[in-house]
Amino acid sequence: MDQKKEDQMQTNSQKSGGHGNKKCTPIRPHQLPIRQTALLTCYMLNADVALLEKGLENTRRQLQLLQMENFERRLEQFCQCLDRQRARVAALSADLDTDLNNI
């Protein structure tokens, strides 16, 4: 009689989704009806897609940061080159002024 009562409690616990005092056995996909299996599969696939989308968004953010760093580095190099060119033009201009004054 007690065994039958324990079995009934375990069955009720499994049906309600609760854990109760008894150990619940996990439900395996082959134990579910086809519709529930399909819904469970869709749920799992949607969760996988959500994780992939989050990973993709993180990758995009990292790429944007790398592109910004690369752009900033290239801009700095360009500014340094521009400064060197300005210095050369200033030196040539000074030489030209000196040459014109010597004429």
Protein backbone atom coordinates (compact mmCIF):
# COMPACT_ATOMS: atom_id res chain seq x y z
CA MET A 1 0.00 0.00 0.00
CA ASP A 2 2.81 2.41 0.91
CA GLN A 3 4.64 1.66 -2.36
CA LYS A 4 1.51 2.45 -4.37
CA LYS A 5 1.11 5.74 -2.48
CA GLU A 6 4.76 6.68 -3.11
CA ASP A 7 4.39 5.88 -6.82
CA GLN A 8 1.27 8.06 -6.98
CA MET A 9 3.09 10.94 -5.23
CA GLN A 10 5.99 10.68 -7.65
CA THR A 11 3.63 10.64 -10.63
CA ASN A 12 1.75 13.68 -9.30
CA SER A 13 5.03 15.47 -8.65
CA GLN A 14 6.17 14.82 -12.22
CA LYS A 15 2.86 15.96 -13.68
CA SER A 16 2.89 19.22 -11.72
CA GLY A 17 6.52 19.89 -12.52
CA GLY A 18 7.32 20.06 -8.81
CA HIS A 19 10.06 18.18 -7.08
CA GLY A 20 8.33 17.24 -3.85
CA ASN A 21 10.28 14.91 -1.61
CA LYS A 22 10.79 12.28 -4.26
CA LYS A 23 13.38 12.18 -7.01
CA CYS A 24 11.92 13.22 -10.38
CA THR A 25 13.11 11.45 -13.45
CA PRO A 26 13.96 13.80 -16.33
CA ILE A 27 11.66 13.71 -19.32
CA ARG A 28 13.42 12.55 -22.43
CA PRO A 29 12.32 13.70 -25.89
CA HIS A 30 11.38 10.16 -26.96
CA GLN A 31 8.91 10.05 -24.05
CA LEU A 32 7.01 13.12 -25.29
CA PRO A 33 4.30 13.22 -27.94
CA ILE A 34 5.47 14.43 -31.35
CA ARG A 35 3.94 17.90 -30.97
CA GLN A 36 5.63 18.49 -27.62
CA THR A 37 8.91 17.18 -29.02
CA ALA A 38 8.62 19.60 -31.93
CA LEU A 39 7.85 22.50 -29.57
CA LEU A 40 10.77 21.57 -27.33
CA THR A 41 13.06 21.37 -30.36
CA CYS A 42 11.87 24.78 -31.59
CA TYR A 43 12.43 26.26 -28.15
CA MET A 44 15.96 24.86 -28.02
CA LEU A 45 16.71 26.07 -31.55
CA ASN A 46 15.40 29.55 -30.71
CA ALA A 47 17.65 29.61 -27.65
CA ASP A 48 20.61 28.60 -29.84
CA VAL A 49 19.75 31.32 -32.37
CA ALA A 50 19.51 33.89 -29.58
CA LEU A 51 22.97 32.91 -28.34
CA LEU A 52 24.37 33.09 -31.87
CA GLU A 53 22.81 36.52 -32.40
CA LYS A 54 24.31 37.75 -29.14
CA GLY A 55 27.70 36.39 -30.17
CA LEU A 56 27.38 38.05 -33.57
CA GLU A 57 26.52 41.39 -31.96
CA ASN A 58 29.53 41.10 -29.65
CA THR A 59 31.73 40.28 -32.64
CA ARG A 60 30.38 43.30 -34.52
CA ARG A 61 31.13 45.56 -31.55
CA GLN A 62 34.66 44.19 -31.29
CA LEU A 63 35.18 44.70 -35.03
CA GLN A 64 33.94 48.29 -34.80
CA LEU A 65 36.35 48.94 -31.93
CA LEU A 66 39.21 47.45 -33.92
CA GLN A 67 38.25 49.51 -36.97
CA MET A 68 38.12 52.66 -34.83
CA GLU A 69 41.52 51.87 -33.34
CA ASN A 70 42.90 51.22 -36.83
CA PHE A 71 41.34 54.45 -38.13
CA GLU A 72 42.72 56.44 -35.20
CA ARG A 73 46.19 54.96 -35.75
CA ARG A 74 46.07 55.77 -39.46
CA LEU A 75 44.82 59.29 -38.73
CA GLU A 76 47.68 59.82 -36.28
CA GLN A 77 50.18 58.59 -38.89
CA PHE A 78 48.66 60.96 -41.45
CA CYS A 79 48.90 63.90 -39.01
CA GLN A 80 52.55 63.08 -38.33
CA CYS A 81 53.25 62.95 -42.07
CA LEU A 82 51.43 66.26 -42.52
CA ASP A 83 53.52 67.83 -39.74
CA ARG A 84 56.73 66.64 -41.44
CA GLN A 85 55.56 68.10 -44.75
CA ARG A 86 54.74 71.42 -43.07
CA ALA A 87 58.23 71.51 -41.55
CA ARG A 88 59.80 70.82 -44.97
CA VAL A 89 57.69 73.56 -46.60
CA ALA A 90 58.66 75.99 -43.83
CA ALA A 91 62.35 75.12 -44.31
CA LEU A 92 62.11 75.52 -48.10
CA SER A 93 60.25 78.80 -47.66
CA ALA A 94 62.96 80.08 -45.32
CA ASP A 95 65.66 79.03 -47.81
CA LEU A 96 63.78 80.79 -50.60
CA ASP A 97 63.46 83.96 -48.53
CA THR A 98 67.19 83.84 -47.81
CA ASP A 99 68.02 83.33 -51.49
CA LEU A 100 65.72 86.21 -52.51
CA ASN A 101 67.32 88.52 -49.95
CA ASN A 102 70.78 87.65 -51.31
CA ILE A 103 69.89 88.72 -54.85
